[in-house]
C-alpha cells in the first residue's frame, strides 16, 4: 500500500474512533439536545438507528441505480428480495420517485443525528481545552465524521461493489417503500413545480417512461404540488420568524440578521454541491468538443478529468463531507428553541414541540437546497458549471 494512503487511513480511523467516543460520552453525561430532556438511552437508540438506516438509504441508492441496466431475470432466483426491489424501481418513473423520497430521508436522518448527538451550549467533557471543543463539539466535526464515514461513504462503496447482496433483504425493501410513500404523500411535490419551470425555461419536454396522466391523475398531482408549496411557505414563515426573533439553536451572540444571512449562504452551498454532482455526471458523458466555450466550465472540466480519473471520486468524497457539514449547520440555524410555555403563532404546545425537532428545516433543505438545484443542473449542466 502507498505509505501516504496508509497514513491517511490510520489517522482517519483514529479520528473516527475519537469522534464516536466523544459523542457517546456527551450523551452519557446528558449534554446533547435529546439526552438533556430525555434518558440517554433514548439518544443512543435514535442516534444509532438513524446511522444504521442511513447506511441503507445511501447504499440502497448506489445499488438500485447501478442495477438499472442489468437484466433482472438473471438474479430473480438467487436474490429474490433484490429482485422485488428492482421490479419496483425499474417500472415507469418509479426510480425518480424513489430518489425524491430518499433525498428527504437523508436530510431527515442528519437532523435526527443532530437532535440525538448535537452538544448543548457550554458542553464540557474530559477537560478538553477550548480549541479542541470548538473543533469537535461546536463546529460539529465529531458528528460529521461519524455520519459520513459510517452512515454514507462506507455503505456507498460496499453497495457499489455488492449491489445485489446489499439489497437482498427486507430492510432494503422496507426502506424503498418508505421512500416511495414519502414521494406519494406529496410532501415534496413543490419540487415538481421547479422541474416544470426549469423545463419551460430550457424549452425541453420532460421525459417520462409512463403514459400521459389522465385528467383525474393530473388533478391529484397538481393538488399535491399546491399542498406541498403551501407547507413549504409555512415552514419558511416559521423559520424566518424564529430567526429574526433569535429563538433558534443558533450560537449565542449571533445577531438575527447574521443568522438569516448564514442560512441563505449554507442553503446556496448545499445547492451548489448537489447541482455540481449532477452536472459532473452529465458532462462526463459528453465529448470534449461539446463541453461549451465558457472559460469557467472548461477549467472545471479540465480539473475534474485530469490525470488517471482520481479527481472525480476525490470530489465526491469531499462533496459528501461538505454537504453533511452544511446540513448540520442548517439544522442548528433552523431548529427552534423557544422558552417553555411560549409558542410561535399561538400554536399548541404539542405542535410547538414538533416544530422544535427541526423537521421544518429538513423539508426546506430538501426542496430548496437539494432537489431544486439538482433539477436545474440536470437541465443546464454546462451553464451550471
Protein backbone atom coordinates (compact mmCIF):
# COMPACT_ATOMS: atom_id res chain seq x y z
CA UNK A 1 0.00 0.00 0.00
CA UNK A 2 1.09 3.55 -0.72
CA UNK A 3 2.60 4.92 2.57
CA UNK A 4 0.70 8.18 2.19
CA UNK A 5 -2.62 6.35 1.79
CA UNK A 6 -1.76 4.18 4.79
CA UNK A 7 -1.07 7.23 6.95
CA UNK A 8 -4.35 8.82 5.82
CA UNK A 9 -6.27 5.63 6.60
CA UNK A 10 -4.75 5.32 10.06
CA UNK A 11 -5.34 8.89 11.21
CA UNK A 12 -8.82 8.89 9.66
CA UNK A 13 -9.70 5.75 11.64
CA UNK A 14 -8.29 7.27 14.83
CA UNK A 15 -10.30 10.47 14.32
CA UNK A 16 -13.45 8.42 13.75
CA UNK A 17 -12.93 6.39 16.93
CA UNK A 18 -12.18 9.58 18.88
CA UNK A 19 -15.34 11.22 17.50
CA UNK A 20 -17.52 8.24 18.44
CA UNK A 21 -16.09 8.26 21.97
CA UNK A 22 -16.81 11.98 22.34
CA UNK A 23 -20.42 11.65 21.17
CA UNK A 24 -21.08 8.63 23.40
CA UNK A 25 -19.58 10.49 26.35
CA UNK A 26 -21.67 13.59 25.68
CA UNK A 27 -24.85 11.54 25.59
CA UNK A 28 -23.93 9.65 28.78
CA UNK A 29 -23.43 12.94 30.63
CA UNK A 30 -26.72 14.37 29.26
CA UNK A 31 -25.03 17.12 27.28
CA UNK A 32 -26.77 16.62 23.93
CA UNK A 33 -30.07 18.03 22.71
CA UNK A 34 -32.09 14.85 23.33
CA UNK A 35 -30.29 13.33 26.31
CA UNK A 36 -30.71 16.60 28.24
CA UNK A 37 -34.51 16.33 28.09
CA UNK A 38 -34.88 12.54 27.99
CA UNK A 39 -33.00 9.46 29.14
CA UNK A 40 -29.58 8.99 27.48
CA UNK A 41 -30.80 5.58 26.28
CA UNK A 42 -33.29 7.36 24.02
CA UNK A 43 -30.48 9.41 22.48
CA UNK A 44 -28.32 6.31 21.96
CA UNK A 45 -31.17 4.45 20.27
CA UNK A 46 -32.13 7.34 17.98
CA UNK A 47 -28.53 8.07 17.03
CA UNK A 48 -27.60 4.53 16.04
CA UNK A 49 -30.98 3.78 14.48
CA UNK A 50 -30.54 6.88 12.30
CA UNK A 51 -26.96 5.96 11.32
CA UNK A 52 -27.89 2.35 10.53
CA UNK A 53 -30.88 3.44 8.45
CA UNK A 54 -28.69 5.96 6.64
CA UNK A 55 -26.38 3.12 5.56
CA UNK A 56 -29.31 1.51 3.75
CA UNK A 57 -30.63 4.79 2.34
CA UNK A 58 -27.24 5.61 0.83
CA UNK A 59 -26.22 2.09 -0.09
CA UNK A 60 -29.64 1.29 -1.50
CA UNK A 61 -29.38 4.22 -3.90
CA UNK A 62 -25.99 3.07 -5.17
CA UNK A 63 -27.29 -0.47 -5.68
CA UNK A 64 -30.65 0.28 -7.28
CA UNK A 65 -29.22 2.87 -9.68
CA UNK A 66 -26.37 0.54 -10.60
CA UNK A 67 -28.74 -2.37 -11.28
CA UNK A 68 -30.81 -0.49 -13.89
CA UNK A 69 -29.01 -1.90 -16.96
CA UNK A 70 -28.86 -5.46 -15.57
CA UNK A 71 -31.47 -7.99 -16.68
CA UNK A 72 -33.46 -8.65 -13.51
CA UNK A 73 -34.33 -12.19 -14.53
CA UNK A 74 -30.68 -13.17 -14.12
CA UNK A 75 -30.91 -12.83 -10.33
CA UNK A 76 -34.62 -13.47 -9.77
CA UNK A 77 -33.96 -16.83 -8.06
CA UNK A 78 -30.59 -16.17 -6.44
CA UNK A 79 -31.51 -12.76 -4.95
CA UNK A 80 -35.32 -12.68 -4.60
CA UNK A 81 -35.52 -9.60 -2.34
CA UNK A 82 -33.22 -7.60 -4.61
CA UNK A 83 -35.42 -8.73 -7.49
CA UNK A 84 -38.51 -7.37 -5.72
CA UNK A 85 -36.74 -4.03 -5.22
CA UNK A 86 -35.75 -3.64 -8.87
CA UNK A 87 -39.20 -4.75 -10.05
CA UNK A 88 -40.47 -1.62 -8.32
CA UNK A 89 -37.74 0.87 -9.27
CA UNK A 90 -37.42 -0.30 -12.90
CA UNK A 91 -41.13 0.26 -13.58
CA UNK A 92 -42.07 3.56 -15.24
CA UNK A 93 -40.75 6.61 -13.39
CA UNK A 94 -40.54 4.87 -10.02
CA UNK A 95 -36.77 5.28 -9.80
CA UNK A 96 -37.16 9.07 -9.91
CA UNK A 97 -39.90 8.86 -7.29
CA UNK A 98 -37.67 6.74 -5.07
CA UNK A 99 -34.75 9.16 -5.41
CA UNK A 100 -37.00 12.09 -4.49
CA UNK A 101 -38.30 10.42 -1.33
CA UNK A 102 -34.84 9.10 -0.50
CA UNK A 103 -33.37 12.62 -0.57
CA UNK A 104 -35.75 13.73 2.17
CA UNK A 105 -34.82 10.65 4.20
CA UNK A 106 -31.13 11.59 4.05
CA UNK A 107 -31.78 15.11 5.32
CA UNK A 108 -34.20 13.82 7.96
CA UNK A 109 -31.63 11.33 9.26
CA UNK A 110 -28.97 14.05 9.51
CA UNK A 111 -31.38 16.18 11.53
CA UNK A 112 -32.12 13.17 13.79
CA UNK A 113 -28.40 12.69 14.37
CA UNK A 114 -28.18 16.37 15.29
CA UNK A 115 -31.06 16.01 17.75
CA UNK A 116 -29.58 12.97 19.48
CA UNK A 117 -25.86 13.77 19.34
CA UNK A 118 -25.64 17.55 18.96
CA UNK A 119 -23.98 19.13 22.03
CA UNK A 120 -25.83 21.70 24.11
CA UNK A 121 -24.35 25.13 24.75
CA UNK A 122 -21.46 25.16 27.20
CA UNK A 123 -20.88 21.40 26.98
CA UNK A 124 -17.76 20.13 28.78
CA UNK A 125 -16.13 16.73 28.53
CA UNK A 126 -12.90 15.20 29.85
CA UNK A 127 -11.32 18.61 30.47
CA UNK A 128 -10.84 19.35 26.77
CA UNK A 129 -9.22 22.73 26.01
CA UNK A 130 -11.39 25.37 24.36
CA UNK A 131 -9.82 24.94 20.91
CA UNK A 132 -10.48 21.18 20.88
CA UNK A 133 -14.09 21.65 22.00
CA UNK A 134 -14.52 24.28 19.32
CA UNK A 135 -13.41 21.87 16.59
CA UNK A 136 -15.14 18.65 17.63
CA UNK A 137 -18.19 19.95 19.51
CA UNK A 138 -19.15 23.46 18.45
CA UNK A 139 -18.13 23.03 14.81
CA UNK A 140 -19.66 19.54 14.80
CA UNK A 141 -16.65 17.68 13.41
CA UNK A 142 -17.34 14.64 15.60
CA UNK A 143 -20.88 14.19 14.23
CA UNK A 144 -19.77 14.93 10.68
CA UNK A 145 -17.09 12.22 10.76
CA UNK A 146 -19.48 9.69 12.32
CA UNK A 147 -22.25 10.38 9.81
CA UNK A 148 -20.07 10.47 6.70
CA UNK A 149 -17.70 7.60 7.45
CA UNK A 150 -20.15 5.07 8.86
CA UNK A 151 -23.51 6.18 7.51
CA UNK A 152 -22.61 7.25 3.98
CA UNK A 153 -19.21 6.66 2.40
CA UNK A 154 -18.59 3.11 3.65
CA UNK A 155 -22.09 1.98 2.66
CA UNK A 156 -21.84 3.59 -0.77
CA UNK A 157 -18.54 1.84 -1.50
CA UNK A 158 -19.77 -1.54 -0.27
CA UNK A 159 -23.07 -1.24 -2.14
CA UNK A 160 -21.37 -0.27 -5.40
CA UNK A 161 -19.25 -3.44 -5.19
CA UNK A 162 -22.02 -5.78 -3.94
CA UNK A 163 -25.19 -4.33 -5.45
CA UNK A 164 -27.30 -7.49 -5.33
CA UNK A 165 -26.21 -8.64 -1.87
CA UNK A 166 -26.74 -5.18 -0.40
CA UNK A 167 -30.41 -5.02 -1.44
CA UNK A 168 -31.27 -8.71 -0.99
CA UNK A 169 -33.00 -8.21 2.37
CA UNK A 170 -36.28 -6.91 3.76
CA UNK A 171 -34.55 -3.89 5.29
CA UNK A 172 -33.74 -2.63 1.78
CA UNK A 173 -37.28 -3.37 0.59
CA UNK A 174 -38.77 -1.57 3.60
CA UNK A 175 -36.53 1.47 3.02
CA UNK A 176 -37.59 1.54 -0.63
CA UNK A 177 -41.27 1.51 0.30
CA UNK A 178 -40.77 4.30 2.85
CA UNK A 179 -39.09 6.48 0.20
CA UNK A 180 -41.91 5.73 -2.25
CA UNK A 181 -44.51 6.56 0.42
CA UNK A 182 -42.82 9.91 1.15
CA UNK A 183 -42.97 10.81 -2.53
CA UNK A 184 -46.60 9.66 -2.84
CA UNK A 185 -47.62 11.79 0.15
CA UNK A 186 -46.95 14.91 -1.91
CA UNK A 187 -44.82 16.49 0.80
CA UNK A 188 -42.04 17.20 -1.72
CA UNK A 189 -44.19 17.86 -4.79
CA UNK A 190 -43.20 21.53 -4.80
CA UNK A 191 -40.00 20.21 -6.40
CA UNK A 192 -42.00 19.15 -9.46
CA UNK A 193 -43.13 22.75 -9.91
CA UNK A 194 -39.46 23.72 -10.09
CA UNK A 195 -38.91 20.92 -12.60
CA UNK A 196 -41.77 22.18 -14.78
CA UNK A 197 -40.46 25.75 -14.60
CA UNK A 198 -36.92 24.69 -15.48
CA UNK A 199 -38.16 22.59 -18.40
CA UNK A 200 -40.19 25.54 -19.70
CA UNK A 201 -37.17 27.87 -19.47
CA UNK A 202 -34.97 25.30 -21.21
CA UNK A 203 -37.56 24.69 -23.90
CA UNK A 204 -37.33 20.97 -23.19
CA UNK A 205 -40.02 18.36 -22.80
CA UNK A 206 -39.84 16.40 -19.58
CA UNK A 207 -39.01 12.83 -20.50
CA UNK A 208 -41.14 10.12 -18.94
CA UNK A 209 -41.34 6.33 -19.13
CA UNK A 210 -45.07 6.41 -18.47
CA UNK A 211 -48.19 7.28 -20.43
CA UNK A 212 -49.51 10.86 -20.13
CA UNK A 213 -51.56 11.45 -16.98
CA UNK A 214 -55.32 11.23 -17.15
CA UNK A 215 -57.44 14.21 -16.09
CA UNK A 216 -58.02 12.70 -12.65
CA UNK A 217 -54.33 11.87 -12.19
CA UNK A 218 -53.35 15.41 -13.24
CA UNK A 219 -55.76 16.94 -10.72
CA UNK A 220 -54.37 14.71 -7.97
CA UNK A 221 -50.79 15.55 -8.99
CA UNK A 222 -51.20 19.33 -9.05
CA UNK A 223 -53.29 19.29 -5.86
CA UNK A 224 -50.32 17.69 -4.11
CA UNK A 225 -48.00 20.25 -5.71
CA UNK A 226 -50.07 23.14 -4.32
CA UNK A 227 -50.34 21.50 -0.89
CA UNK A 228 -46.57 20.97 -0.83
CA UNK A 229 -45.99 24.59 -1.82
CA UNK A 230 -48.29 25.77 0.99
CA UNK A 231 -46.45 23.59 3.53
CA UNK A 232 -43.10 24.90 2.29
CA UNK A 233 -44.25 28.51 2.65
CA UNK A 234 -45.46 27.81 6.19
CA UNK A 235 -42.12 26.20 7.09
CA UNK A 236 -40.29 29.25 5.76
CA UNK A 237 -42.57 31.59 7.72
CA UNK A 238 -41.96 29.71 10.98
CA UNK A 239 -38.21 29.54 10.37
CA UNK A 240 -37.75 33.22 9.49
CA UNK A 241 -39.96 34.37 12.34
CA UNK A 242 -37.84 32.34 14.75
CA UNK A 243 -34.56 33.50 13.19
CA UNK A 244 -35.46 37.19 13.42
CA UNK A 245 -36.69 36.66 16.99
CA UNK A 246 -33.41 34.96 17.91
CA UNK A 247 -35.22 31.82 19.07
CA UNK A 248 -33.35 29.05 17.30
CA UNK A 249 -30.42 26.90 18.40
CA UNK A 250 -28.04 29.26 16.60
CA UNK A 251 -24.91 30.05 18.60
CA UNK A 252 -25.40 32.68 21.29
CA UNK A 253 -24.28 36.18 20.39
CA UNK A 254 -25.02 35.84 16.66
CA UNK A 255 -27.36 38.69 15.61
CA UNK A 256 -30.65 37.62 13.92
CA UNK A 257 -29.71 39.36 10.66
CA UNK A 258 -26.42 37.48 10.52
CA UNK A 259 -28.26 34.21 11.26
CA UNK A 260 -30.55 34.79 8.26
CA UNK A 261 -27.57 35.57 6.02
CA UNK A 262 -25.78 32.42 7.23
CA UNK A 263 -28.94 30.43 6.48
CA UNK A 264 -29.02 31.61 2.86
CA UNK A 265 -25.28 31.04 2.40
CA UNK A 266 -25.50 27.47 3.72
CA UNK A 267 -28.52 26.72 1.53
CA UNK A 268 -26.66 28.03 -1.51
CA UNK A 269 -23.57 25.96 -0.67
CA UNK A 270 -25.60 22.76 -0.33
CA UNK A 271 -27.45 23.56 -3.55
CA UNK A 272 -24.22 24.22 -5.44
CA UNK A 273 -22.65 20.97 -4.24
CA UNK A 274 -25.78 18.96 -5.08
CA UNK A 275 -26.05 20.57 -8.51
CA UNK A 276 -22.34 20.10 -9.26
CA UNK A 277 -22.66 16.37 -8.66
CA UNK A 278 -25.48 16.09 -11.22
CA UNK A 279 -23.73 18.39 -13.70
CA UNK A 280 -20.43 16.49 -13.45
CA UNK A 281 -22.08 13.16 -14.21
CA UNK A 282 -23.90 14.72 -17.17
CA UNK A 283 -20.74 16.36 -18.54
CA UNK A 284 -18.73 13.15 -18.13
CA UNK A 285 -20.86 11.61 -20.90
CA UNK A 286 -20.09 14.42 -23.35
CA UNK A 287 -17.07 14.51 -25.66
CA UNK A 288 -14.62 17.33 -25.02
CA UNK A 289 -15.78 19.19 -28.13
CA UNK A 290 -19.33 19.50 -26.76
CA UNK A 291 -18.44 20.93 -23.35
CA UNK A 292 -19.01 24.52 -24.39
CA UNK A 293 -16.74 27.55 -24.58
CA UNK A 294 -17.21 29.07 -21.13
CA UNK A 295 -13.76 29.51 -19.54
CA UNK A 296 -15.09 28.52 -16.10
CA UNK A 297 -16.75 25.35 -17.44
CA UNK A 298 -13.65 24.41 -19.43
CA UNK A 299 -11.31 24.90 -16.46
CA UNK A 300 -13.68 22.95 -14.20
CA UNK A 301 -13.80 20.02 -16.62
CA UNK A 302 -10.02 20.06 -17.09
CA UNK A 303 -9.50 19.84 -13.34
CA UNK A 304 -12.19 17.20 -12.89
CA UNK A 305 -10.98 14.81 -15.61
CA UNK A 306 -7.23 15.43 -15.26
CA UNK A 307 -4.83 12.53 -14.72
CA UNK A 308 -5.99 8.98 -14.12
CA UNK A 309 -9.54 9.77 -13.06
CA UNK A 310 -8.77 10.27 -9.36
CA UNK A 311 -10.19 13.79 -9.15
CA UNK A 312 -13.81 12.77 -9.75
CA UNK A 313 -14.07 10.30 -6.85
CA UNK A 314 -11.99 12.66 -4.68
CA UNK A 315 -14.53 15.40 -5.37
CA UNK A 316 -17.40 13.06 -4.48
CA UNK A 317 -15.84 12.25 -1.09
CA UNK A 318 -15.05 15.88 -0.33
CA UNK A 319 -18.50 16.92 -1.52
CA UNK A 320 -20.13 14.43 0.86
CA UNK A 321 -18.27 15.87 3.83
CA UNK A 322 -19.13 19.44 2.83
CA UNK A 323 -22.84 18.68 2.28
CA UNK A 324 -23.21 16.92 5.64
CA UNK A 325 -21.29 19.74 7.37
CA UNK A 326 -23.63 22.33 5.88
CA UNK A 327 -26.69 20.26 6.83
CA UNK A 328 -25.59 20.08 10.45
CA UNK A 329 -25.09 23.84 10.48
CA UNK A 330 -28.50 24.36 8.83
CA UNK A 331 -30.04 22.11 11.50
CA UNK A 332 -28.54 24.34 14.18
CA UNK A 333 -29.66 27.52 12.42
CA UNK A 334 -33.25 26.38 11.75
CA UNK A 335 -34.12 24.31 14.83
CA UNK A 336 -36.49 26.27 17.06
CA UNK A 337 -35.63 26.97 20.71
CA UNK A 338 -38.48 28.82 22.45
CA UNK A 339 -38.76 29.37 26.22
CA UNK A 340 -41.00 26.87 27.99
CA UNK A 341 -44.66 27.81 27.63
CA UNK A 342 -44.08 30.15 24.66
CA UNK A 343 -45.19 29.13 21.17
CA UNK A 344 -44.96 30.59 17.68
CA UNK A 345 -48.13 31.91 16.02
CA UNK A 346 -50.10 30.72 19.06
CA UNK A 347 -49.92 27.03 18.15
CA UNK A 348 -50.49 24.31 20.73
CA UNK A 349 -47.67 23.11 22.97
CA UNK A 350 -47.63 19.73 21.23
CA UNK A 351 -47.25 21.28 17.79
CA UNK A 352 -44.58 23.62 19.14
CA UNK A 353 -42.64 20.60 20.42
CA UNK A 354 -42.87 19.05 16.95
CA UNK A 355 -41.57 22.26 15.37
CA UNK A 356 -38.59 22.24 17.73
CA UNK A 357 -37.48 18.83 16.45
CA UNK A 358 -36.09 20.61 13.38
CA UNK A 359 -38.09 18.75 10.73
CA UNK A 360 -39.30 22.01 9.19
CA UNK A 361 -35.71 22.84 8.37
CA UNK A 362 -35.28 19.35 6.91
CA UNK A 363 -38.16 19.93 4.49
CA UNK A 364 -36.86 23.37 3.47
CA UNK A 365 -33.37 21.97 2.91
CA UNK A 366 -34.62 19.04 0.83
CA UNK A 367 -36.71 21.14 -1.55
CA UNK A 368 -34.81 24.43 -1.82
CA UNK A 369 -31.21 23.38 -1.16
CA UNK A 370 -31.13 19.94 -2.74
CA UNK A 371 -33.74 18.76 -5.22
CA UNK A 372 -34.35 22.13 -6.91
CA UNK A 373 -30.65 22.66 -7.63
CA UNK A 374 -30.33 19.11 -8.93
CA UNK A 375 -33.18 19.71 -11.36
CA UNK A 376 -31.61 22.94 -12.63
CA UNK A 377 -28.22 21.26 -13.05
CA UNK A 378 -29.72 18.33 -14.94
CA UNK A 379 -31.41 20.72 -17.40
CA UNK A 380 -28.42 23.09 -17.82
CA UNK A 381 -25.26 21.11 -16.89
CA UNK A 382 -22.79 23.27 -18.82
CA UNK A 383 -24.37 26.57 -17.80
CA UNK A 384 -24.33 25.36 -14.18
CA UNK A 385 -20.56 24.89 -14.36
